[in-house]
Amino acid sequence: LVGPAVAGLMITGVGTGWAFLANG
């Protein structure tokens, strides 16, 4: 429930790379 919503905000705001970094 939480992860996709946060990913959407990060992709829109700062880009996909930061979502990968957050996961790492």
PDBML (XML) file of the C-alpha atoms, coordinates in Angstrom:
<?xml version="1.0" encoding="UTF-8" ?>
<PDBx:datablock datablockName="MODEL"
   xmlns:PDBx="http://pdbml.pdb.org/schema/pdbx-v50.xsd"
   xmlns:xsi="http://www.w3.org/2001/XMLSchema-instance"
   xsi:schemaLocation="http://pdbml.pdb.org/schema/pdbx-v50.xsd pdbx-v50.xsd">
   <PDBx:atom_siteCategory>
      <PDBx:atom_site id="1">
         <PDBx:B_iso_or_equiv>0.00</PDBx:B_iso_or_equiv>
         <PDBx:Cartn_x>0.000</PDBx:Cartn_x>
         <PDBx:Cartn_y>0.000</PDBx:Cartn_y>
         <PDBx:Cartn_z>0.000</PDBx:Cartn_z>
         <PDBx:auth_asym_id>A</PDBx:auth_asym_id>
         <PDBx:auth_atom_id>CA</PDBx:auth_atom_id>
         <PDBx:auth_comp_id>LEU</PDBx:auth_comp_id>
         <PDBx:auth_seq_id>1</PDBx:auth_seq_id>
         <PDBx:group_PDB>ATOM</PDBx:group_PDB>
         <PDBx:label_alt_id xsi:nil="true" />
         <PDBx:label_asym_id>A</PDBx:label_asym_id>
         <PDBx:label_atom_id>CA</PDBx:label_atom_id>
         <PDBx:label_comp_id>LEU</PDBx:label_comp_id>
         <PDBx:label_entity_id>1</PDBx:label_entity_id>
         <PDBx:label_seq_id>1</PDBx:label_seq_id>
         <PDBx:occupancy>1.00</PDBx:occupancy>
         <PDBx:pdbx_PDB_model_num>1</PDBx:pdbx_PDB_model_num>
         <PDBx:type_symbol>C</PDBx:type_symbol>
      </PDBx:atom_site>
      <PDBx:atom_site id="2">
         <PDBx:B_iso_or_equiv>0.00</PDBx:B_iso_or_equiv>
         <PDBx:Cartn_x>2.801</PDBx:Cartn_x>
         <PDBx:Cartn_y>2.428</PDBx:Cartn_y>
         <PDBx:Cartn_z>0.915</PDBx:Cartn_z>
         <PDBx:auth_asym_id>A</PDBx:auth_asym_id>
         <PDBx:auth_atom_id>CA</PDBx:auth_atom_id>
         <PDBx:auth_comp_id>VAL</PDBx:auth_comp_id>
         <PDBx:auth_seq_id>2</PDBx:auth_seq_id>
         <PDBx:group_PDB>ATOM</PDBx:group_PDB>
         <PDBx:label_alt_id xsi:nil="true" />
         <PDBx:label_asym_id>A</PDBx:label_asym_id>
         <PDBx:label_atom_id>CA</PDBx:label_atom_id>
         <PDBx:label_comp_id>VAL</PDBx:label_comp_id>
         <PDBx:label_entity_id>1</PDBx:label_entity_id>
         <PDBx:label_seq_id>2</PDBx:label_seq_id>
         <PDBx:occupancy>1.00</PDBx:occupancy>
         <PDBx:pdbx_PDB_model_num>1</PDBx:pdbx_PDB_model_num>
         <PDBx:type_symbol>C</PDBx:type_symbol>
      </PDBx:atom_site>
      <PDBx:atom_site id="3">
         <PDBx:B_iso_or_equiv>0.00</PDBx:B_iso_or_equiv>
         <PDBx:Cartn_x>5.684</PDBx:Cartn_x>
         <PDBx:Cartn_y>1.555</PDBx:Cartn_y>
         <PDBx:Cartn_z>-1.430</PDBx:Cartn_z>
         <PDBx:auth_asym_id>A</PDBx:auth_asym_id>
         <PDBx:auth_atom_id>CA</PDBx:auth_atom_id>
         <PDBx:auth_comp_id>GLY</PDBx:auth_comp_id>
         <PDBx:auth_seq_id>3</PDBx:auth_seq_id>
         <PDBx:group_PDB>ATOM</PDBx:group_PDB>
         <PDBx:label_alt_id xsi:nil="true" />
         <PDBx:label_asym_id>A</PDBx:label_asym_id>
         <PDBx:label_atom_id>CA</PDBx:label_atom_id>
         <PDBx:label_comp_id>GLY</PDBx:label_comp_id>
         <PDBx:label_entity_id>1</PDBx:label_entity_id>
         <PDBx:label_seq_id>3</PDBx:label_seq_id>
         <PDBx:occupancy>1.00</PDBx:occupancy>
         <PDBx:pdbx_PDB_model_num>1</PDBx:pdbx_PDB_model_num>
         <PDBx:type_symbol>C</PDBx:type_symbol>
      </PDBx:atom_site>
      <PDBx:atom_site id="4">
         <PDBx:B_iso_or_equiv>0.00</PDBx:B_iso_or_equiv>
         <PDBx:Cartn_x>4.071</PDBx:Cartn_x>
         <PDBx:Cartn_y>2.289</PDBx:Cartn_y>
         <PDBx:Cartn_z>-4.827</PDBx:Cartn_z>
         <PDBx:auth_asym_id>A</PDBx:auth_asym_id>
         <PDBx:auth_atom_id>CA</PDBx:auth_atom_id>
         <PDBx:auth_comp_id>PRO</PDBx:auth_comp_id>
         <PDBx:auth_seq_id>4</PDBx:auth_seq_id>
         <PDBx:group_PDB>ATOM</PDBx:group_PDB>
         <PDBx:label_alt_id xsi:nil="true" />
         <PDBx:label_asym_id>A</PDBx:label_asym_id>
         <PDBx:label_atom_id>CA</PDBx:label_atom_id>
         <PDBx:label_comp_id>PRO</PDBx:label_comp_id>
         <PDBx:label_entity_id>1</PDBx:label_entity_id>
         <PDBx:label_seq_id>4</PDBx:label_seq_id>
         <PDBx:occupancy>1.00</PDBx:occupancy>
         <PDBx:pdbx_PDB_model_num>1</PDBx:pdbx_PDB_model_num>
         <PDBx:type_symbol>C</PDBx:type_symbol>
      </PDBx:atom_site>
      <PDBx:atom_site id="5">
         <PDBx:B_iso_or_equiv>0.00</PDBx:B_iso_or_equiv>
         <PDBx:Cartn_x>2.677</PDBx:Cartn_x>
         <PDBx:Cartn_y>5.603</PDBx:Cartn_y>
         <PDBx:Cartn_z>-3.549</PDBx:Cartn_z>
         <PDBx:auth_asym_id>A</PDBx:auth_asym_id>
         <PDBx:auth_atom_id>CA</PDBx:auth_atom_id>
         <PDBx:auth_comp_id>ALA</PDBx:auth_comp_id>
         <PDBx:auth_seq_id>5</PDBx:auth_seq_id>
         <PDBx:group_PDB>ATOM</PDBx:group_PDB>
         <PDBx:label_alt_id xsi:nil="true" />
         <PDBx:label_asym_id>A</PDBx:label_asym_id>
         <PDBx:label_atom_id>CA</PDBx:label_atom_id>
         <PDBx:label_comp_id>ALA</PDBx:label_comp_id>
         <PDBx:label_entity_id>1</PDBx:label_entity_id>
         <PDBx:label_seq_id>5</PDBx:label_seq_id>
         <PDBx:occupancy>1.00</PDBx:occupancy>
         <PDBx:pdbx_PDB_model_num>1</PDBx:pdbx_PDB_model_num>
         <PDBx:type_symbol>C</PDBx:type_symbol>
      </PDBx:atom_site>
      <PDBx:atom_site id="6">
         <PDBx:B_iso_or_equiv>0.00</PDBx:B_iso_or_equiv>
         <PDBx:Cartn_x>6.100</PDBx:Cartn_x>
         <PDBx:Cartn_y>6.719</PDBx:Cartn_y>
         <PDBx:Cartn_z>-2.280</PDBx:Cartn_z>
         <PDBx:auth_asym_id>A</PDBx:auth_asym_id>
         <PDBx:auth_atom_id>CA</PDBx:auth_atom_id>
         <PDBx:auth_comp_id>VAL</PDBx:auth_comp_id>
         <PDBx:auth_seq_id>6</PDBx:auth_seq_id>
         <PDBx:group_PDB>ATOM</PDBx:group_PDB>
         <PDBx:label_alt_id xsi:nil="true" />
         <PDBx:label_asym_id>A</PDBx:label_asym_id>
         <PDBx:label_atom_id>CA</PDBx:label_atom_id>
         <PDBx:label_comp_id>VAL</PDBx:label_comp_id>
         <PDBx:label_entity_id>1</PDBx:label_entity_id>
         <PDBx:label_seq_id>6</PDBx:label_seq_id>
         <PDBx:occupancy>1.00</PDBx:occupancy>
         <PDBx:pdbx_PDB_model_num>1</PDBx:pdbx_PDB_model_num>
         <PDBx:type_symbol>C</PDBx:type_symbol>
      </PDBx:atom_site>
      <PDBx:atom_site id="7">
         <PDBx:B_iso_or_equiv>0.00</PDBx:B_iso_or_equiv>
         <PDBx:Cartn_x>7.718</PDBx:Cartn_x>
         <PDBx:Cartn_y>5.518</PDBx:Cartn_y>
         <PDBx:Cartn_z>-5.513</PDBx:Cartn_z>
         <PDBx:auth_asym_id>A</PDBx:auth_asym_id>
         <PDBx:auth_atom_id>CA</PDBx:auth_atom_id>
         <PDBx:auth_comp_id>ALA</PDBx:auth_comp_id>
         <PDBx:auth_seq_id>7</PDBx:auth_seq_id>
         <PDBx:group_PDB>ATOM</PDBx:group_PDB>
         <PDBx:label_alt_id xsi:nil="true" />
         <PDBx:label_asym_id>A</PDBx:label_asym_id>
         <PDBx:label_atom_id>CA</PDBx:label_atom_id>
         <PDBx:label_comp_id>ALA</PDBx:label_comp_id>
         <PDBx:label_entity_id>1</PDBx:label_entity_id>
         <PDBx:label_seq_id>7</PDBx:label_seq_id>
         <PDBx:occupancy>1.00</PDBx:occupancy>
         <PDBx:pdbx_PDB_model_num>1</PDBx:pdbx_PDB_model_num>
         <PDBx:type_symbol>C</PDBx:type_symbol>
      </PDBx:atom_site>
      <PDBx:atom_site id="8">
         <PDBx:B_iso_or_equiv>0.00</PDBx:B_iso_or_equiv>
         <PDBx:Cartn_x>5.267</PDBx:Cartn_x>
         <PDBx:Cartn_y>7.567</PDBx:Cartn_y>
         <PDBx:Cartn_z>-7.555</PDBx:Cartn_z>
         <PDBx:auth_asym_id>A</PDBx:auth_asym_id>
         <PDBx:auth_atom_id>CA</PDBx:auth_atom_id>
         <PDBx:auth_comp_id>GLY</PDBx:auth_comp_id>
         <PDBx:auth_seq_id>8</PDBx:auth_seq_id>
         <PDBx:group_PDB>ATOM</PDBx:group_PDB>
         <PDBx:label_alt_id xsi:nil="true" />
         <PDBx:label_asym_id>A</PDBx:label_asym_id>
         <PDBx:label_atom_id>CA</PDBx:label_atom_id>
         <PDBx:label_comp_id>GLY</PDBx:label_comp_id>
         <PDBx:label_entity_id>1</PDBx:label_entity_id>
         <PDBx:label_seq_id>8</PDBx:label_seq_id>
         <PDBx:occupancy>1.00</PDBx:occupancy>
         <PDBx:pdbx_PDB_model_num>1</PDBx:pdbx_PDB_model_num>
         <PDBx:type_symbol>C</PDBx:type_symbol>
      </PDBx:atom_site>
      <PDBx:atom_site id="9">
         <PDBx:B_iso_or_equiv>0.00</PDBx:B_iso_or_equiv>
         <PDBx:Cartn_x>6.125</PDBx:Cartn_x>
         <PDBx:Cartn_y>10.688</PDBx:Cartn_y>
         <PDBx:Cartn_z>-5.580</PDBx:Cartn_z>
         <PDBx:auth_asym_id>A</PDBx:auth_asym_id>
         <PDBx:auth_atom_id>CA</PDBx:auth_atom_id>
         <PDBx:auth_comp_id>LEU</PDBx:auth_comp_id>
         <PDBx:auth_seq_id>9</PDBx:auth_seq_id>
         <PDBx:group_PDB>ATOM</PDBx:group_PDB>
         <PDBx:label_alt_id xsi:nil="true" />
         <PDBx:label_asym_id>A</PDBx:label_asym_id>
         <PDBx:label_atom_id>CA</PDBx:label_atom_id>
         <PDBx:label_comp_id>LEU</PDBx:label_comp_id>
         <PDBx:label_entity_id>1</PDBx:label_entity_id>
         <PDBx:label_seq_id>9</PDBx:label_seq_id>
         <PDBx:occupancy>1.00</PDBx:occupancy>
         <PDBx:pdbx_PDB_model_num>1</PDBx:pdbx_PDB_model_num>
         <PDBx:type_symbol>C</PDBx:type_symbol>
      </PDBx:atom_site>
      <PDBx:atom_site id="10">
         <PDBx:B_iso_or_equiv>0.00</PDBx:B_iso_or_equiv>
         <PDBx:Cartn_x>9.885</PDBx:Cartn_x>
         <PDBx:Cartn_y>10.092</PDBx:Cartn_y>
         <PDBx:Cartn_z>-5.898</PDBx:Cartn_z>
         <PDBx:auth_asym_id>A</PDBx:auth_asym_id>
         <PDBx:auth_atom_id>CA</PDBx:auth_atom_id>
         <PDBx:auth_comp_id>MET</PDBx:auth_comp_id>
         <PDBx:auth_seq_id>10</PDBx:auth_seq_id>
         <PDBx:group_PDB>ATOM</PDBx:group_PDB>
         <PDBx:label_alt_id xsi:nil="true" />
         <PDBx:label_asym_id>A</PDBx:label_asym_id>
         <PDBx:label_atom_id>CA</PDBx:label_atom_id>
         <PDBx:label_comp_id>MET</PDBx:label_comp_id>
         <PDBx:label_entity_id>1</PDBx:label_entity_id>
         <PDBx:label_seq_id>10</PDBx:label_seq_id>
         <PDBx:occupancy>1.00</PDBx:occupancy>
         <PDBx:pdbx_PDB_model_num>1</PDBx:pdbx_PDB_model_num>
         <PDBx:type_symbol>C</PDBx:type_symbol>
      </PDBx:atom_site>
      <PDBx:atom_site id="11">
         <PDBx:B_iso_or_equiv>0.00</PDBx:B_iso_or_equiv>
         <PDBx:Cartn_x>9.754</PDBx:Cartn_x>
         <PDBx:Cartn_y>9.322</PDBx:Cartn_y>
         <PDBx:Cartn_z>-9.626</PDBx:Cartn_z>
         <PDBx:auth_asym_id>A</PDBx:auth_asym_id>
         <PDBx:auth_atom_id>CA</PDBx:auth_atom_id>
         <PDBx:auth_comp_id>ILE</PDBx:auth_comp_id>
         <PDBx:auth_seq_id>11</PDBx:auth_seq_id>
         <PDBx:group_PDB>ATOM</PDBx:group_PDB>
         <PDBx:label_alt_id xsi:nil="true" />
         <PDBx:label_asym_id>A</PDBx:label_asym_id>
         <PDBx:label_atom_id>CA</PDBx:label_atom_id>
         <PDBx:label_comp_id>ILE</PDBx:label_comp_id>
         <PDBx:label_entity_id>1</PDBx:label_entity_id>
         <PDBx:label_seq_id>11</PDBx:label_seq_id>
         <PDBx:occupancy>1.00</PDBx:occupancy>
         <PDBx:pdbx_PDB_model_num>1</PDBx:pdbx_PDB_model_num>
         <PDBx:type_symbol>C</PDBx:type_symbol>
      </PDBx:atom_site>
      <PDBx:atom_site id="12">
         <PDBx:B_iso_or_equiv>0.00</PDBx:B_iso_or_equiv>
         <PDBx:Cartn_x>7.704</PDBx:Cartn_x>
         <PDBx:Cartn_y>12.464</PDBx:Cartn_y>
         <PDBx:Cartn_z>-10.273</PDBx:Cartn_z>
         <PDBx:auth_asym_id>A</PDBx:auth_asym_id>
         <PDBx:auth_atom_id>CA</PDBx:auth_atom_id>
         <PDBx:auth_comp_id>THR</PDBx:auth_comp_id>
         <PDBx:auth_seq_id>12</PDBx:auth_seq_id>
         <PDBx:group_PDB>ATOM</PDBx:group_PDB>
         <PDBx:label_alt_id xsi:nil="true" />
         <PDBx:label_asym_id>A</PDBx:label_asym_id>
         <PDBx:label_atom_id>CA</PDBx:label_atom_id>
         <PDBx:label_comp_id>THR</PDBx:label_comp_id>
         <PDBx:label_entity_id>1</PDBx:label_entity_id>
         <PDBx:label_seq_id>12</PDBx:label_seq_id>
         <PDBx:occupancy>1.00</PDBx:occupancy>
         <PDBx:pdbx_PDB_model_num>1</PDBx:pdbx_PDB_model_num>
         <PDBx:type_symbol>C</PDBx:type_symbol>
      </PDBx:atom_site>
      <PDBx:atom_site id="13">
         <PDBx:B_iso_or_equiv>0.00</PDBx:B_iso_or_equiv>
         <PDBx:Cartn_x>9.724</PDBx:Cartn_x>
         <PDBx:Cartn_y>14.670</PDBx:Cartn_y>
         <PDBx:Cartn_z>-7.923</PDBx:Cartn_z>
         <PDBx:auth_asym_id>A</PDBx:auth_asym_id>
         <PDBx:auth_atom_id>CA</PDBx:auth_atom_id>
         <PDBx:auth_comp_id>GLY</PDBx:auth_comp_id>
         <PDBx:auth_seq_id>13</PDBx:auth_seq_id>
         <PDBx:group_PDB>ATOM</PDBx:group_PDB>
         <PDBx:label_alt_id xsi:nil="true" />
         <PDBx:label_asym_id>A</PDBx:label_asym_id>
         <PDBx:label_atom_id>CA</PDBx:label_atom_id>
         <PDBx:label_comp_id>GLY</PDBx:label_comp_id>
         <PDBx:label_entity_id>1</PDBx:label_entity_id>
         <PDBx:label_seq_id>13</PDBx:label_seq_id>
         <PDBx:occupancy>1.00</PDBx:occupancy>
         <PDBx:pdbx_PDB_model_num>1</PDBx:pdbx_PDB_model_num>
         <PDBx:type_symbol>C</PDBx:type_symbol>
      </PDBx:atom_site>
      <PDBx:atom_site id="14">
         <PDBx:B_iso_or_equiv>0.00</PDBx:B_iso_or_equiv>
         <PDBx:Cartn_x>13.373</PDBx:Cartn_x>
         <PDBx:Cartn_y>13.587</PDBx:Cartn_y>
         <PDBx:Cartn_z>-8.224</PDBx:Cartn_z>
         <PDBx:auth_asym_id>A</PDBx:auth_asym_id>
         <PDBx:auth_atom_id>CA</PDBx:auth_atom_id>
         <PDBx:auth_comp_id>VAL</PDBx:auth_comp_id>
         <PDBx:auth_seq_id>14</PDBx:auth_seq_id>
         <PDBx:group_PDB>ATOM</PDBx:group_PDB>
         <PDBx:label_alt_id xsi:nil="true" />
         <PDBx:label_asym_id>A</PDBx:label_asym_id>
         <PDBx:label_atom_id>CA</PDBx:label_atom_id>
         <PDBx:label_comp_id>VAL</PDBx:label_comp_id>
         <PDBx:label_entity_id>1</PDBx:label_entity_id>
         <PDBx:label_seq_id>14</PDBx:label_seq_id>
         <PDBx:occupancy>1.00</PDBx:occupancy>
         <PDBx:pdbx_PDB_model_num>1</PDBx:pdbx_PDB_model_num>
         <PDBx:type_symbol>C</PDBx:type_symbol>
      </PDBx:atom_site>
      <PDBx:atom_site id="15">
         <PDBx:B_iso_or_equiv>0.00</PDBx:B_iso_or_equiv>
         <PDBx:Cartn_x>13.545</PDBx:Cartn_x>
         <PDBx:Cartn_y>10.646</PDBx:Cartn_y>
         <PDBx:Cartn_z>-10.671</PDBx:Cartn_z>
         <PDBx:auth_asym_id>A</PDBx:auth_asym_id>
         <PDBx:auth_atom_id>CA</PDBx:auth_atom_id>
         <PDBx:auth_comp_id>GLY</PDBx:auth_comp_id>
         <PDBx:auth_seq_id>15</PDBx:auth_seq_id>
         <PDBx:group_PDB>ATOM</PDBx:group_PDB>
         <PDBx:label_alt_id xsi:nil="true" />
         <PDBx:label_asym_id>A</PDBx:label_asym_id>
         <PDBx:label_atom_id>CA</PDBx:label_atom_id>
         <PDBx:label_comp_id>GLY</PDBx:label_comp_id>
         <PDBx:label_entity_id>1</PDBx:label_entity_id>
         <PDBx:label_seq_id>15</PDBx:label_seq_id>
         <PDBx:occupancy>1.00</PDBx:occupancy>
         <PDBx:pdbx_PDB_model_num>1</PDBx:pdbx_PDB_model_num>
         <PDBx:type_symbol>C</PDBx:type_symbol>
      </PDBx:atom_site>
      <PDBx:atom_site id="16">
         <PDBx:B_iso_or_equiv>0.00</PDBx:B_iso_or_equiv>
         <PDBx:Cartn_x>13.744</PDBx:Cartn_x>
         <PDBx:Cartn_y>6.844</PDBx:Cartn_y>
         <PDBx:Cartn_z>-10.719</PDBx:Cartn_z>
         <PDBx:auth_asym_id>A</PDBx:auth_asym_id>
         <PDBx:auth_atom_id>CA</PDBx:auth_atom_id>
         <PDBx:auth_comp_id>THR</PDBx:auth_comp_id>
         <PDBx:auth_seq_id>16</PDBx:auth_seq_id>
         <PDBx:group_PDB>ATOM</PDBx:group_PDB>
         <PDBx:label_alt_id xsi:nil="true" />
         <PDBx:label_asym_id>A</PDBx:label_asym_id>
         <PDBx:label_atom_id>CA</PDBx:label_atom_id>
         <PDBx:label_comp_id>THR</PDBx:label_comp_id>
         <PDBx:label_entity_id>1</PDBx:label_entity_id>
         <PDBx:label_seq_id>16</PDBx:label_seq_id>
         <PDBx:occupancy>1.00</PDBx:occupancy>
         <PDBx:pdbx_PDB_model_num>1</PDBx:pdbx_PDB_model_num>
         <PDBx:type_symbol>C</PDBx:type_symbol>
      </PDBx:atom_site>
      <PDBx:atom_site id="17">
         <PDBx:B_iso_or_equiv>0.00</PDBx:B_iso_or_equiv>
         <PDBx:Cartn_x>17.389</PDBx:Cartn_x>
         <PDBx:Cartn_y>6.739</PDBx:Cartn_y>
         <PDBx:Cartn_z>-9.646</PDBx:Cartn_z>
         <PDBx:auth_asym_id>A</PDBx:auth_asym_id>
         <PDBx:auth_atom_id>CA</PDBx:auth_atom_id>
         <PDBx:auth_comp_id>GLY</PDBx:auth_comp_id>
         <PDBx:auth_seq_id>17</PDBx:auth_seq_id>
         <PDBx:group_PDB>ATOM</PDBx:group_PDB>
         <PDBx:label_alt_id xsi:nil="true" />
         <PDBx:label_asym_id>A</PDBx:label_asym_id>
         <PDBx:label_atom_id>CA</PDBx:label_atom_id>
         <PDBx:label_comp_id>GLY</PDBx:label_comp_id>
         <PDBx:label_entity_id>1</PDBx:label_entity_id>
         <PDBx:label_seq_id>17</PDBx:label_seq_id>
         <PDBx:occupancy>1.00</PDBx:occupancy>
         <PDBx:pdbx_PDB_model_num>1</PDBx:pdbx_PDB_model_num>
         <PDBx:type_symbol>C</PDBx:type_symbol>
      </PDBx:atom_site>
      <PDBx:atom_site id="18">
         <PDBx:B_iso_or_equiv>0.00</PDBx:B_iso_or_equiv>
         <PDBx:Cartn_x>16.547</PDBx:Cartn_x>
         <PDBx:Cartn_y>8.019</PDBx:Cartn_y>
         <PDBx:Cartn_z>-6.187</PDBx:Cartn_z>
         <PDBx:auth_asym_id>A</PDBx:auth_asym_id>
         <PDBx:auth_atom_id>CA</PDBx:auth_atom_id>
         <PDBx:auth_comp_id>TRP</PDBx:auth_comp_id>
         <PDBx:auth_seq_id>18</PDBx:auth_seq_id>
         <PDBx:group_PDB>ATOM</PDBx:group_PDB>
         <PDBx:label_alt_id xsi:nil="true" />
         <PDBx:label_asym_id>A</PDBx:label_asym_id>
         <PDBx:label_atom_id>CA</PDBx:label_atom_id>
         <PDBx:label_comp_id>TRP</PDBx:label_comp_id>
         <PDBx:label_entity_id>1</PDBx:label_entity_id>
         <PDBx:label_seq_id>18</PDBx:label_seq_id>
         <PDBx:occupancy>1.00</PDBx:occupancy>
         <PDBx:pdbx_PDB_model_num>1</PDBx:pdbx_PDB_model_num>
         <PDBx:type_symbol>C</PDBx:type_symbol>
      </PDBx:atom_site>
      <PDBx:atom_site id="19">
         <PDBx:B_iso_or_equiv>0.00</PDBx:B_iso_or_equiv>
         <PDBx:Cartn_x>13.885</PDBx:Cartn_x>
         <PDBx:Cartn_y>5.306</PDBx:Cartn_y>
         <PDBx:Cartn_z>-5.779</PDBx:Cartn_z>
         <PDBx:auth_asym_id>A</PDBx:auth_asym_id>
         <PDBx:auth_atom_id>CA</PDBx:auth_atom_id>
         <PDBx:auth_comp_id>ALA</PDBx:auth_comp_id>
         <PDBx:auth_seq_id>19</PDBx:auth_seq_id>
         <PDBx:group_PDB>ATOM</PDBx:group_PDB>
         <PDBx:label_alt_id xsi:nil="true" />
         <PDBx:label_asym_id>A</PDBx:label_asym_id>
         <PDBx:label_atom_id>CA</PDBx:label_atom_id>
         <PDBx:label_comp_id>ALA</PDBx:label_comp_id>
         <PDBx:label_entity_id>1</PDBx:label_entity_id>
         <PDBx:label_seq_id>19</PDBx:label_seq_id>
         <PDBx:occupancy>1.00</PDBx:occupancy>
         <PDBx:pdbx_PDB_model_num>1</PDBx:pdbx_PDB_model_num>
         <PDBx:type_symbol>C</PDBx:type_symbol>
      </PDBx:atom_site>
      <PDBx:atom_site id="20">
         <PDBx:B_iso_or_equiv>0.00</PDBx:B_iso_or_equiv>
         <PDBx:Cartn_x>16.553</PDBx:Cartn_x>
         <PDBx:Cartn_y>2.679</PDBx:Cartn_y>
         <PDBx:Cartn_z>-6.521</PDBx:Cartn_z>
         <PDBx:auth_asym_id>A</PDBx:auth_asym_id>
         <PDBx:auth_atom_id>CA</PDBx:auth_atom_id>
         <PDBx:auth_comp_id>PHE</PDBx:auth_comp_id>
         <PDBx:auth_seq_id>20</PDBx:auth_seq_id>
         <PDBx:group_PDB>ATOM</PDBx:group_PDB>
         <PDBx:label_alt_id xsi:nil="true" />
         <PDBx:label_asym_id>A</PDBx:label_asym_id>
         <PDBx:label_atom_id>CA</PDBx:label_atom_id>
         <PDBx:label_comp_id>PHE</PDBx:label_comp_id>
         <PDBx:label_entity_id>1</PDBx:label_entity_id>
         <PDBx:label_seq_id>20</PDBx:label_seq_id>
         <PDBx:occupancy>1.00</PDBx:occupancy>
         <PDBx:pdbx_PDB_model_num>1</PDBx:pdbx_PDB_model_num>
         <PDBx:type_symbol>C</PDBx:type_symbol>
      </PDBx:atom_site>
      <PDBx:atom_site id="21">
         <PDBx:B_iso_or_equiv>0.00</PDBx:B_iso_or_equiv>
         <PDBx:Cartn_x>18.891</PDBx:Cartn_x>
         <PDBx:Cartn_y>4.323</PDBx:Cartn_y>
         <PDBx:Cartn_z>-4.026</PDBx:Cartn_z>
         <PDBx:auth_asym_id>A</PDBx:auth_asym_id>
         <PDBx:auth_atom_id>CA</PDBx:auth_atom_id>
         <PDBx:auth_comp_id>LEU</PDBx:auth_comp_id>
         <PDBx:auth_seq_id>21</PDBx:auth_seq_id>
         <PDBx:group_PDB>ATOM</PDBx:group_PDB>
         <PDBx:label_alt_id xsi:nil="true" />
         <PDBx:label_asym_id>A</PDBx:label_asym_id>
         <PDBx:label_atom_id>CA</PDBx:label_atom_id>
         <PDBx:label_comp_id>LEU</PDBx:label_comp_id>
         <PDBx:label_entity_id>1</PDBx:label_entity_id>
         <PDBx:label_seq_id>21</PDBx:label_seq_id>
         <PDBx:occupancy>1.00</PDBx:occupancy>
         <PDBx:pdbx_PDB_model_num>1</PDBx:pdbx_PDB_model_num>
         <PDBx:type_symbol>C</PDBx:type_symbol>
      </PDBx:atom_site>
      <PDBx:atom_site id="22">
         <PDBx:B_iso_or_equiv>0.00</PDBx:B_iso_or_equiv>
         <PDBx:Cartn_x>16.164</PDBx:Cartn_x>
         <PDBx:Cartn_y>4.379</PDBx:Cartn_y>
         <PDBx:Cartn_z>-1.372</PDBx:Cartn_z>
         <PDBx:auth_asym_id>A</PDBx:auth_asym_id>
         <PDBx:auth_atom_id>CA</PDBx:auth_atom_id>
         <PDBx:auth_comp_id>ALA</PDBx:auth_comp_id>
         <PDBx:auth_seq_id>22</PDBx:auth_seq_id>
         <PDBx:group_PDB>ATOM</PDBx:group_PDB>
         <PDBx:label_alt_id xsi:nil="true" />
         <PDBx:label_asym_id>A</PDBx:label_asym_id>
         <PDBx:label_atom_id>CA</PDBx:label_atom_id>
         <PDBx:label_comp_id>ALA</PDBx:label_comp_id>
         <PDBx:label_entity_id>1</PDBx:label_entity_id>
         <PDBx:label_seq_id>22</PDBx:label_seq_id>
         <PDBx:occupancy>1.00</PDBx:occupancy>
         <PDBx:pdbx_PDB_model_num>1</PDBx:pdbx_PDB_model_num>
         <PDBx:type_symbol>C</PDBx:type_symbol>
      </PDBx:atom_site>
      <PDBx:atom_site id="23">
         <PDBx:B_iso_or_equiv>0.00</PDBx:B_iso_or_equiv>
         <PDBx:Cartn_x>15.594</PDBx:Cartn_x>
         <PDBx:Cartn_y>0.659</PDBx:Cartn_y>
         <PDBx:Cartn_z>-1.893</PDBx:Cartn_z>
         <PDBx:auth_asym_id>A</PDBx:auth_asym_id>
         <PDBx:auth_atom_id>CA</PDBx:auth_atom_id>
         <PDBx:auth_comp_id>ASN</PDBx:auth_comp_id>
         <PDBx:auth_seq_id>23</PDBx:auth_seq_id>
         <PDBx:group_PDB>ATOM</PDBx:group_PDB>
         <PDBx:label_alt_id xsi:nil="true" />
         <PDBx:label_asym_id>A</PDBx:label_asym_id>
         <PDBx:label_atom_id>CA</PDBx:label_atom_id>
         <PDBx:label_comp_id>ASN</PDBx:label_comp_id>
         <PDBx:label_entity_id>1</PDBx:label_entity_id>
         <PDBx:label_seq_id>23</PDBx:label_seq_id>
         <PDBx:occupancy>1.00</PDBx:occupancy>
         <PDBx:pdbx_PDB_model_num>1</PDBx:pdbx_PDB_model_num>
         <PDBx:type_symbol>C</PDBx:type_symbol>
      </PDBx:atom_site>
      <PDBx:atom_site id="24">
         <PDBx:B_iso_or_equiv>0.00</PDBx:B_iso_or_equiv>
         <PDBx:Cartn_x>19.300</PDBx:Cartn_x>
         <PDBx:Cartn_y>-0.088</PDBx:Cartn_y>
         <PDBx:Cartn_z>-1.651</PDBx:Cartn_z>
         <PDBx:auth_asym_id>A</PDBx:auth_asym_id>
         <PDBx:auth_atom_id>CA</PDBx:auth_atom_id>
         <PDBx:auth_comp_id>GLY</PDBx:auth_comp_id>
         <PDBx:auth_seq_id>24</PDBx:auth_seq_id>
         <PDBx:group_PDB>ATOM</PDBx:group_PDB>
         <PDBx:label_alt_id xsi:nil="true" />
         <PDBx:label_asym_id>A</PDBx:label_asym_id>
         <PDBx:label_atom_id>CA</PDBx:label_atom_id>
         <PDBx:label_comp_id>GLY</PDBx:label_comp_id>
         <PDBx:label_entity_id>1</PDBx:label_entity_id>
         <PDBx:label_seq_id>24</PDBx:label_seq_id>
         <PDBx:occupancy>1.00</PDBx:occupancy>
         <PDBx:pdbx_PDB_model_num>1</PDBx:pdbx_PDB_model_num>
         <PDBx:type_symbol>C</PDBx:type_symbol>
      </PDBx:atom_site>
   </PDBx:atom_siteCategory>
</PDBx:datablock>
